[in-house]
C-alpha cells in the first residue's frame, strides 16, 4: 500500500462527485446535529457561569467577614492601648500593627474588586 499525504488525499476527495439524492437530507441532519452540539455547549457554559457566580457570592461573604474581623480587632487593640489595658514598651509596635492591618484590608479589597466582581472573567468564553 502506498503512502498518501494529506494534501493528496484532500485532492482525491475533492475530485469525487457529490451524491445529489441524499445531499439535502444529509445536510439537514448535519445542521440538526450541529445545533444540538451548540445547544449542549451553551447549556454547559451557562451552568459553569452560574457555578462561578455562586462561588463568587460565597467568597465575597467570607472575605467581608475577614475584613470586618480585622477592623474589629484593630479597633479593640486601639481602644485597649488608649485606655491603657494593653501597654507596649516600644513605641513603634502599635503604628506598625495598625498599618499592617490596613494593608491587609486594602489587599483583600483589591482581591474582591479584581476577581470576585470582574464581569469580564465570566463573559470571555
C-alpha atoms as a PDB file:
ATOM      1  CA  UNK A   1       0.000   0.000   0.000  1.00  0.00           C
ATOM      2  CA  UNK A   2       1.400   3.374  -0.999  1.00  0.00           C
ATOM      3  CA  UNK A   3       1.776   6.254   1.433  1.00  0.00           C
ATOM      4  CA  UNK A   4      -0.585   9.131   0.681  1.00  0.00           C
ATOM      5  CA  UNK A   5      -0.067  12.625   2.055  1.00  0.00           C
ATOM      6  CA  UNK A   6      -2.871  14.724   3.469  1.00  0.00           C
ATOM      7  CA  UNK A   7      -2.709  17.096   0.523  1.00  0.00           C
ATOM      8  CA  UNK A   8      -3.041  14.210  -1.962  1.00  0.00           C
ATOM      9  CA  UNK A   9      -5.963  12.721  -0.032  1.00  0.00           C
ATOM     10  CA  UNK A  10      -7.707  16.110   0.033  1.00  0.00           C
ATOM     11  CA  UNK A  11      -7.205  16.488  -3.706  1.00  0.00           C
ATOM     12  CA  UNK A  12      -8.577  12.981  -4.403  1.00  0.00           C
ATOM     13  CA  UNK A  13     -11.619  13.540  -2.194  1.00  0.00           C
ATOM     14  CA  UNK A  14     -12.257  16.891  -3.836  1.00  0.00           C
ATOM     15  CA  UNK A  15     -12.500  15.197  -7.245  1.00  0.00           C
ATOM     16  CA  UNK A  16     -15.164  12.704  -6.120  1.00  0.00           C
ATOM     17  CA  UNK A  17     -18.711  13.517  -7.292  1.00  0.00           C
ATOM     18  CA  UNK A  18     -21.260  14.605  -4.691  1.00  0.00           C
ATOM     19  CA  UNK A  19     -24.275  12.437  -4.002  1.00  0.00           C
ATOM     20  CA  UNK A  20     -27.200  14.674  -5.007  1.00  0.00           C
ATOM     21  CA  UNK A  21     -30.074  12.381  -3.984  1.00  0.00           C
ATOM     22  CA  UNK A  22     -29.193  12.150  -0.317  1.00  0.00           C
ATOM     23  CA  UNK A  23     -27.453  15.541  -0.106  1.00  0.00           C
ATOM     24  CA  UNK A  24     -30.380  17.595   1.203  1.00  0.00           C
ATOM     25  CA  UNK A  25     -31.363  15.064   3.870  1.00  0.00           C
ATOM     26  CA  UNK A  26     -27.756  14.627   4.980  1.00  0.00           C
ATOM     27  CA  UNK A  27     -27.253  18.394   5.097  1.00  0.00           C
ATOM     28  CA  UNK A  28     -30.383  18.783   7.236  1.00  0.00           C
ATOM     29  CA  UNK A  29     -29.196  16.056   9.629  1.00  0.00           C
ATOM     30  CA  UNK A  30     -25.759  17.642   9.797  1.00  0.00           C
ATOM     31  CA  UNK A  31     -27.249  21.047  10.623  1.00  0.00           C
ATOM     32  CA  UNK A  32     -29.507  19.463  13.248  1.00  0.00           C
ATOM     33  CA  UNK A  33     -26.523  17.719  14.910  1.00  0.00           C
ATOM     34  CA  UNK A  34     -24.584  20.985  14.806  1.00  0.00           C
ATOM     35  CA  UNK A  35     -27.471  22.797  16.513  1.00  0.00           C
ATOM     36  CA  UNK A  36     -27.719  20.077  19.171  1.00  0.00           C
ATOM     37  CA  UNK A  37     -23.971  20.338  19.795  1.00  0.00           C
ATOM     38  CA  UNK A  38     -24.156  24.138  20.097  1.00  0.00           C
ATOM     39  CA  UNK A  39     -27.146  23.837  22.456  1.00  0.00           C
ATOM     40  CA  UNK A  40     -25.236  21.405  24.679  1.00  0.00           C
ATOM     41  CA  UNK A  41     -22.174  23.683  24.717  1.00  0.00           C
ATOM     42  CA  UNK A  42     -24.377  26.668  25.615  1.00  0.00           C
ATOM     43  CA  UNK A  43     -26.008  24.726  28.467  1.00  0.00           C
ATOM     44  CA  UNK A  44     -22.608  23.679  29.829  1.00  0.00           C
ATOM     45  CA  UNK A  45     -21.314  27.260  29.599  1.00  0.00           C
ATOM     46  CA  UNK A  46     -24.425  28.617  31.341  1.00  0.00           C
ATOM     47  CA  UNK A  47     -24.038  26.062  34.156  1.00  0.00           C
ATOM     48  CA  UNK A  48     -20.374  26.958  34.524  1.00  0.00           C
ATOM     49  CA  UNK A  49     -21.203  30.665  34.733  1.00  0.00           C
ATOM     50  CA  UNK A  50     -23.859  30.024  37.374  1.00  0.00           C
ATOM     51  CA  UNK A  51     -21.362  27.960  39.386  1.00  0.00           C
ATOM     52  CA  UNK A  52     -18.783  30.742  39.140  1.00  0.00           C
ATOM     53  CA  UNK A  53     -21.314  33.304  40.323  1.00  0.00           C
ATOM     54  CA  UNK A  54     -22.291  31.097  43.286  1.00  0.00           C
ATOM     55  CA  UNK A  55     -18.629  30.613  44.184  1.00  0.00           C
ATOM     56  CA  UNK A  56     -18.017  34.352  43.977  1.00  0.00           C
ATOM     57  CA  UNK A  57     -21.011  35.047  46.195  1.00  0.00           C
ATOM     58  CA  UNK A  58     -19.685  32.612  48.816  1.00  0.00           C
ATOM     59  CA  UNK A  59     -16.140  34.014  48.700  1.00  0.00           C
ATOM     60  CA  UNK A  60     -17.340  37.608  48.855  1.00  0.00           C
ATOM     61  CA  UNK A  61     -19.221  36.792  52.077  1.00  0.00           C
ATOM     62  CA  UNK A  62     -16.142  35.117  53.591  1.00  0.00           C
ATOM     63  CA  UNK A  63     -13.858  37.987  52.610  1.00  0.00           C
ATOM     64  CA  UNK A  64     -16.315  40.506  54.027  1.00  0.00           C
ATOM     65  CA  UNK A  65     -16.288  38.559  57.305  1.00  0.00           C
ATOM     66  CA  UNK A  66     -12.467  38.541  57.327  1.00  0.00           C
ATOM     67  CA  UNK A  67     -12.296  42.298  56.663  1.00  0.00           C
ATOM     68  CA  UNK A  68     -14.838  43.019  59.409  1.00  0.00           C
ATOM     69  CA  UNK A  69     -12.863  40.788  61.813  1.00  0.00           C
ATOM     70  CA  UNK A  70      -9.601  42.588  61.040  1.00  0.00           C
ATOM     71  CA  UNK A  71     -11.180  46.017  61.523  1.00  0.00           C
ATOM     72  CA  UNK A  72     -12.913  44.951  64.771  1.00  0.00           C
ATOM     73  CA  UNK A  73      -9.686  43.522  66.168  1.00  0.00           C
ATOM     74  CA  UNK A  74      -7.780  46.693  65.225  1.00  0.00           C
ATOM     75  CA  UNK A  75     -10.464  48.783  66.898  1.00  0.00           C
ATOM     76  CA  UNK A  76     -10.178  46.667  70.059  1.00  0.00           C
ATOM     77  CA  UNK A  77      -6.370  46.987  70.121  1.00  0.00           C
ATOM     78  CA  UNK A  78      -6.540  50.762  69.642  1.00  0.00           C
ATOM     79  CA  UNK A  79      -9.099  51.046  72.453  1.00  0.00           C
ATOM     80  CA  UNK A  80      -7.045  48.765  74.689  1.00  0.00           C
ATOM     81  CA  UNK A  81      -3.920  50.860  74.144  1.00  0.00           C
ATOM     82  CA  UNK A  82      -5.875  54.116  74.538  1.00  0.00           C
ATOM     83  CA  UNK A  83      -7.434  53.056  77.826  1.00  0.00           C
ATOM     84  CA  UNK A  84      -4.109  51.526  78.861  1.00  0.00           C
ATOM     85  CA  UNK A  85      -5.484  47.993  79.158  1.00  0.00           C
ATOM     86  CA  UNK A  86      -2.520  47.000  76.997  1.00  0.00           C
ATOM     87  CA  UNK A  87       0.915  48.559  77.229  1.00  0.00           C
ATOM     88  CA  UNK A  88       3.801  48.203  74.808  1.00  0.00           C
ATOM     89  CA  UNK A  89       7.299  49.222  75.805  1.00  0.00           C
ATOM     90  CA  UNK A  90       8.262  50.004  72.221  1.00  0.00           C
ATOM     91  CA  UNK A  91       6.552  52.999  70.620  1.00  0.00           C
ATOM     92  CA  UNK A  92       6.508  51.640  67.081  1.00  0.00           C
ATOM     93  CA  UNK A  93       4.541  48.407  67.654  1.00  0.00           C
ATOM     94  CA  UNK A  94       1.012  49.865  67.604  1.00  0.00           C
ATOM     95  CA  UNK A  95       1.503  52.030  64.469  1.00  0.00           C
ATOM     96  CA  UNK A  96       3.179  49.064  62.751  1.00  0.00           C
ATOM     97  CA  UNK A  97       0.285  46.786  63.746  1.00  0.00           C
ATOM     98  CA  UNK A  98      -2.355  49.236  62.540  1.00  0.00           C
ATOM     99  CA  UNK A  99      -0.507  49.879  59.281  1.00  0.00           C
ATOM    100  CA  UNK A 100      -0.097  46.163  58.625  1.00  0.00           C
ATOM    101  CA  UNK A 101      -3.792  45.541  59.259  1.00  0.00           C
ATOM    102  CA  UNK A 102      -4.710  48.442  56.991  1.00  0.00           C
ATOM    103  CA  UNK A 103      -2.595  46.940  54.205  1.00  0.00           C
ATOM    104  CA  UNK A 104      -4.303  43.561  54.712  1.00  0.00           C
ATOM    105  CA  UNK A 105      -7.684  45.219  54.367  1.00  0.00           C
ATOM    106  CA  UNK A 106      -6.644  47.045  51.192  1.00  0.00           C
ATOM    107  CA  UNK A 107      -5.217  43.798  49.761  1.00  0.00           C
ATOM    108  CA  UNK A 108      -8.434  41.904  50.434  1.00  0.00           C
ATOM    109  CA  UNK A 109     -10.449  44.739  48.892  1.00  0.00           C
ATOM    110  CA  UNK A 110      -8.269  44.556  45.769  1.00  0.00           C
ATOM    111  CA  UNK A 111      -8.919  40.811  45.549  1.00  0.00           C
ATOM    112  CA  UNK A 112     -12.651  41.369  45.854  1.00  0.00           C
ATOM    113  CA  UNK A 113     -12.766  44.097  43.229  1.00  0.00           C
ATOM    114  CA  UNK A 114     -10.243  42.478  40.891  1.00  0.00           C
ATOM    115  CA  UNK A 115     -11.605  38.957  40.828  1.00  0.00           C
ATOM    116  CA  UNK A 116     -14.936  38.443  42.512  1.00  0.00           C
ATOM    117  CA  UNK A 117     -16.733  41.334  40.799  1.00  0.00           C
ATOM    118  CA  UNK A 118     -14.966  41.251  37.443  1.00  0.00           C
ATOM    119  CA  UNK A 119     -17.632  40.590  34.803  1.00  0.00           C
ATOM    120  CA  UNK A 120     -15.035  40.129  32.045  1.00  0.00           C
ATOM    121  CA  UNK A 121     -13.849  36.839  33.585  1.00  0.00           C
ATOM    122  CA  UNK A 122     -17.293  35.347  33.148  1.00  0.00           C
ATOM    123  CA  UNK A 123     -18.094  36.731  29.707  1.00  0.00           C
ATOM    124  CA  UNK A 124     -14.795  35.846  27.971  1.00  0.00           C
ATOM    125  CA  UNK A 125     -15.893  32.383  26.904  1.00  0.00           C
END
